[in-house]
Amino acid sequence: MYAKKFLNTVSETKSKDTTTIINDLTKGTMTGAAIGAGVGIYIGFSRSKNLLITGFLGAILGGAISRIFIVKK
């Protein structure tokens, strides 16, 4: 089952250009990272922490969570 899905993905990848592949893979991840950065900065500001670090950690977590929950069709 996994091998067949992998082979189908590889055959789809061969027929597309690089820009289309990157756009399909990162469609919602950048939005999730931006929202995560905003939430991280808000939490850092309310707790008097370093805003750069809390924003960066929020972006990483937001991007990872959106990558997990957004299923590629």
Protein backbone atom coordinates (compact mmCIF):
# COMPACT_ATOMS: atom_id res chain seq x y z
CA MET A 1 0.00 0.00 0.00
CA TYR A 2 2.72 2.47 0.96
CA ALA A 3 4.88 1.58 -2.04
CA LYS A 4 2.01 2.10 -4.48
CA LYS A 5 1.22 5.51 -2.96
CA PHE A 6 4.91 6.44 -3.18
CA LEU A 7 5.14 5.40 -6.81
CA ASN A 8 2.01 7.39 -7.68
CA THR A 9 3.49 10.46 -5.99
CA VAL A 10 6.76 10.05 -7.87
CA SER A 11 4.97 9.74 -11.20
CA GLU A 12 2.92 12.88 -10.43
CA THR A 13 6.11 14.71 -9.48
CA LYS A 14 7.79 13.89 -12.78
CA SER A 15 4.99 15.51 -14.77
CA LYS A 16 4.91 18.80 -12.79
CA ASP A 17 7.37 21.63 -12.58
CA THR A 18 9.18 22.53 -9.35
CA THR A 19 7.16 25.66 -8.58
CA THR A 20 3.85 23.79 -8.73
CA ILE A 21 5.17 21.05 -6.46
CA ILE A 22 6.43 23.52 -3.85
CA ASN A 23 3.16 25.47 -3.93
CA ASP A 24 1.12 22.29 -3.45
CA LEU A 25 3.25 21.09 -0.54
CA THR A 26 3.42 24.39 1.34
CA LYS A 27 -0.05 25.76 0.62
CA GLY A 28 -1.27 26.12 4.21
CA THR A 29 2.01 25.82 6.06
CA MET A 30 3.00 29.46 5.59
CA THR A 31 -0.37 30.67 6.84
CA GLY A 32 -0.10 28.42 9.89
CA ALA A 33 3.42 29.68 10.55
CA ALA A 34 2.28 33.31 10.33
CA ILE A 35 -0.60 32.70 12.74
CA GLY A 36 1.73 30.80 15.07
CA ALA A 37 4.23 33.66 15.01
CA GLY A 38 1.48 36.12 15.91
CA VAL A 39 0.29 33.98 18.80
CA GLY A 40 3.88 33.46 19.96
CA ILE A 41 4.59 37.19 19.95
CA TYR A 42 1.36 37.84 21.85
CA ILE A 43 2.24 35.25 24.50
CA GLY A 44 5.79 36.59 24.74
CA PHE A 45 4.54 40.15 25.15
CA SER A 46 2.00 39.22 27.82
CA ARG A 47 4.62 37.27 29.82
CA SER A 48 7.46 39.79 29.25
CA LYS A 49 9.65 37.31 27.36
CA ASN A 50 11.88 37.80 24.32
CA LEU A 51 9.52 38.53 21.40
CA LEU A 52 11.89 37.29 18.71
CA ILE A 53 12.32 33.87 20.28
CA THR A 54 8.64 33.42 21.17
CA GLY A 55 7.62 34.50 17.66
CA PHE A 56 10.11 32.08 16.10
CA LEU A 57 8.95 29.19 18.30
CA GLY A 58 5.33 30.05 17.55
CA ALA A 59 6.04 30.03 13.82
CA ILE A 60 7.71 26.63 14.04
CA LEU A 61 4.85 25.15 16.05
CA GLY A 62 2.17 26.79 13.89
CA GLY A 63 3.80 25.55 10.68
CA ALA A 64 4.22 22.03 12.04
CA ILE A 65 0.65 21.83 13.32
CA SER A 66 -0.82 23.13 10.07
CA ARG A 67 1.38 20.70 8.12
CA ILE A 68 0.02 17.79 10.15
CA PHE A 69 -3.64 18.79 10.02
CA ILE A 70 -3.85 19.96 6.41
CA VAL A 71 -4.18 16.83 4.32
CA LYS A 72 -2.94 16.88 0.73
CA LYS A 73 -5.65 15.84 -1.73
